[in-house]
C-alpha atoms as a PDB file:
ATOM      1  CA  MET A   1      -1.657 -42.897  -4.386  1.00  0.00           C
ATOM      2  CA  ASN A   2       0.083 -45.622  -6.361  1.00  0.00           C
ATOM      3  CA  LEU A   3      -1.257 -45.912  -9.909  1.00  0.00           C
ATOM      4  CA  GLU A   4      -0.762 -48.947 -12.138  1.00  0.00           C
ATOM      5  CA  ILE A   5      -2.199 -49.224 -15.647  1.00  0.00           C
ATOM      6  CA  LYS A   6      -2.046 -52.630 -17.350  1.00  0.00           C
ATOM      7  CA  GLY A   7      -3.158 -53.750 -20.787  1.00  0.00           C
ATOM      8  CA  VAL A   8      -4.455 -57.178 -21.791  1.00  0.00           C
ATOM      9  CA  HIS A   9      -4.385 -57.685 -25.576  1.00  0.00           C
ATOM     10  CA  TYR A  10      -3.701 -53.940 -25.690  1.00  0.00           C
ATOM     11  CA  ASN A  11      -0.479 -51.944 -25.470  1.00  0.00           C
ATOM     12  CA  VAL A  12      -1.106 -48.901 -23.267  1.00  0.00           C
ATOM     13  CA  SER A  13       0.453 -45.960 -25.128  1.00  0.00           C
ATOM     14  CA  ASP A  14       1.881 -42.776 -23.639  1.00  0.00           C
ATOM     15  CA  THR A  15      -1.122 -40.849 -25.014  1.00  0.00           C
ATOM     16  CA  THR A  16      -3.499 -43.171 -23.158  1.00  0.00           C
ATOM     17  CA  ARG A  17      -1.466 -42.811 -19.938  1.00  0.00           C
ATOM     18  CA  GLU A  18      -1.555 -39.018 -20.248  1.00  0.00           C
ATOM     19  CA  PHE A  19      -5.336 -39.155 -20.763  1.00  0.00           C
ATOM     20  CA  PHE A  20      -5.667 -41.321 -17.628  1.00  0.00           C
ATOM     21  CA  ASP A  21      -3.506 -38.871 -15.648  1.00  0.00           C
ATOM     22  CA  LYS A  22      -5.614 -35.938 -16.826  1.00  0.00           C
ATOM     23  CA  LYS A  23      -8.901 -37.639 -15.931  1.00  0.00           C
ATOM     24  CA  LEU A  24      -7.633 -38.995 -12.588  1.00  0.00           C
ATOM     25  CA  GLN A  25      -7.013 -35.446 -11.381  1.00  0.00           C
ATOM     26  CA  LYS A  26     -10.682 -35.602 -10.351  1.00  0.00           C
ATOM     27  CA  LEU A  27      -9.540 -37.894  -7.522  1.00  0.00           C
ATOM     28  CA  ALA A  28      -7.293 -35.260  -5.925  1.00  0.00           C
ATOM     29  CA  PHE A  29      -9.735 -34.976  -2.999  1.00  0.00           C
ATOM     30  CA  ALA A  30      -9.225 -38.664  -2.134  1.00  0.00           C
ATOM     31  CA  GLU A  31      -5.471 -39.065  -2.602  1.00  0.00           C
ATOM     32  CA  LYS A  32      -4.865 -39.571   1.099  1.00  0.00           C
ATOM     33  CA  PHE A  33      -7.656 -42.184   1.284  1.00  0.00           C
ATOM     34  CA  ILE A  34      -6.730 -44.237  -1.800  1.00  0.00           C
ATOM     35  CA  HIS A  35      -3.573 -46.279  -1.295  1.00  0.00           C
ATOM     36  CA  ASP A  36      -3.407 -48.152  -4.627  1.00  0.00           C
ATOM     37  CA  LEU A  37      -5.328 -47.882  -7.884  1.00  0.00           C
ATOM     38  CA  THR A  38      -4.890 -50.628 -10.475  1.00  0.00           C
ATOM     39  CA  ILE A  39      -6.533 -50.166 -13.864  1.00  0.00           C
ATOM     40  CA  THR A  40      -6.707 -52.954 -16.438  1.00  0.00           C
ATOM     41  CA  VAL A  41      -7.570 -52.274 -20.074  1.00  0.00           C
ATOM     42  CA  ASN A  42      -8.700 -55.414 -21.893  1.00  0.00           C
ATOM     43  CA  LYS A  43      -9.311 -55.294 -25.627  1.00  0.00           C
ATOM     44  CA  GLU A  44     -12.063 -57.726 -26.565  1.00  0.00           C
ATOM     45  CA  HIS A  45     -11.640 -59.824 -29.683  1.00  0.00           C
ATOM     46  CA  VAL A  46     -15.370 -60.387 -30.105  1.00  0.00           C
ATOM     47  CA  GLY A  47     -17.252 -57.153 -30.705  1.00  0.00           C
ATOM     48  CA  GLN A  48     -14.029 -55.107 -30.951  1.00  0.00           C
ATOM     49  CA  GLY A  49     -14.751 -53.219 -27.731  1.00  0.00           C
ATOM     50  CA  TYR A  50     -12.858 -52.554 -24.503  1.00  0.00           C
ATOM     51  CA  HIS A  51     -13.409 -53.839 -20.987  1.00  0.00           C
ATOM     52  CA  LEU A  52     -11.949 -51.534 -18.342  1.00  0.00           C
ATOM     53  CA  GLU A  53     -11.590 -52.561 -14.735  1.00  0.00           C
ATOM     54  CA  GLY A  54     -10.418 -50.558 -11.735  1.00  0.00           C
ATOM     55  CA  LYS A  55      -9.336 -51.990  -8.399  1.00  0.00           C
ATOM     56  CA  VAL A  56      -9.267 -49.418  -5.599  1.00  0.00           C
ATOM     57  CA  HIS A  57      -7.389 -50.121  -2.341  1.00  0.00           C
ATOM     58  CA  PHE A  58      -8.426 -47.741   0.429  1.00  0.00           C
ATOM     59  CA  SER A  59      -6.053 -46.906   3.269  1.00  0.00           C
ATOM     60  CA  TRP A  60      -8.361 -48.544   5.849  1.00  0.00           C
ATOM     61  CA  GLY A  61      -8.039 -51.941   4.142  1.00  0.00           C
ATOM     62  CA  LEU A  62     -11.126 -51.964   1.929  1.00  0.00           C
ATOM     63  CA  VAL A  63     -10.739 -53.133  -1.673  1.00  0.00           C
ATOM     64  CA  LYS A  64     -13.448 -52.305  -4.230  1.00  0.00           C
ATOM     65  CA  MET A  65     -13.672 -53.075  -7.930  1.00  0.00           C
ATOM     66  CA  VAL A  66     -15.496 -51.180 -10.667  1.00  0.00           C
ATOM     67  CA  SER A  67     -15.709 -52.017 -14.351  1.00  0.00           C
ATOM     68  CA  THR A  68     -17.194 -50.799 -17.596  1.00  0.00           C
ATOM     69  CA  GLU A  69     -17.423 -51.927 -21.197  1.00  0.00           C
ATOM     70  CA  CYS A  70     -17.343 -49.594 -24.150  1.00  0.00           C
ATOM     71  CA  TYR A  71     -16.585 -49.600 -27.880  1.00  0.00           C
ATOM     72  CA  GLU A  72     -14.520 -46.396 -27.673  1.00  0.00           C
ATOM     73  CA  LEU A  73     -11.473 -46.520 -25.379  1.00  0.00           C
ATOM     74  CA  TYR A  74     -11.461 -42.875 -24.278  1.00  0.00           C
ATOM     75  CA  GLU A  75     -15.201 -42.850 -23.634  1.00  0.00           C
ATOM     76  CA  GLY A  76     -14.707 -45.981 -21.502  1.00  0.00           C
ATOM     77  CA  ILE A  77     -11.890 -44.285 -19.570  1.00  0.00           C
ATOM     78  CA  GLU A  78     -14.168 -41.346 -18.750  1.00  0.00           C
ATOM     79  CA  LEU A  79     -16.937 -43.707 -17.580  1.00  0.00           C
ATOM     80  CA  LEU A  80     -14.509 -45.708 -15.417  1.00  0.00           C
ATOM     81  CA  VAL A  81     -13.016 -42.601 -13.794  1.00  0.00           C
ATOM     82  CA  ASP A  82     -16.520 -41.289 -13.050  1.00  0.00           C
ATOM     83  CA  LYS A  83     -17.380 -44.587 -11.352  1.00  0.00           C
ATOM     84  CA  ILE A  84     -14.146 -44.529  -9.325  1.00  0.00           C
ATOM     85  CA  GLU A  85     -14.828 -40.933  -8.281  1.00  0.00           C
ATOM     86  CA  ALA A  86     -18.371 -41.812  -7.149  1.00  0.00           C
ATOM     87  CA  LEU A  87     -17.049 -44.809  -5.210  1.00  0.00           C
ATOM     88  CA  ALA A  88     -14.356 -42.716  -3.510  1.00  0.00           C
ATOM     89  CA  ARG A  89     -16.874 -40.030  -2.507  1.00  0.00           C
ATOM     90  CA  LYS A  90     -19.240 -42.678  -1.107  1.00  0.00           C
ATOM     91  CA  GLU A  91     -16.528 -44.439   0.932  1.00  0.00           C
ATOM     92  CA  LYS A  92     -15.066 -41.149   2.152  1.00  0.00           C
ATOM     93  CA  GLY A  93     -18.539 -40.159   3.357  1.00  0.00           C
ATOM     94  CA  LYS A  94     -18.956 -43.461   5.192  1.00  0.00           C
ATOM     95  CA  ILE A  95     -15.629 -43.050   7.000  1.00  0.00           C
ATOM     96  CA  GLN A  96     -16.389 -39.453   8.004  1.00  0.00           C
ATOM     97  CA  ASP A  97     -19.782 -40.536   9.376  1.00  0.00           C
ATOM     98  CA  HIS A  98     -18.093 -43.019  11.715  1.00  0.00           C
END
């Protein structure tokens, strides 16, 4: 799985990357199904919150996007990873059914 973390109006620190790596260990079951994972962290100027977006490329050509907004960055990361995990489980189930 190729992982890319980008920041818009936010410099992604090593601590944030380590937190992402720790949380993304939940996706170990889907590593052979997920080809690319691109995460964008956007710091909002209005409201001082964060908008996190994940773009998941599955090995069978499907591309899905999930996003979340949160005032706390690390809380938002946890929410985003939970959404990505749910999406991966759902798509994996669909493929196994076929």
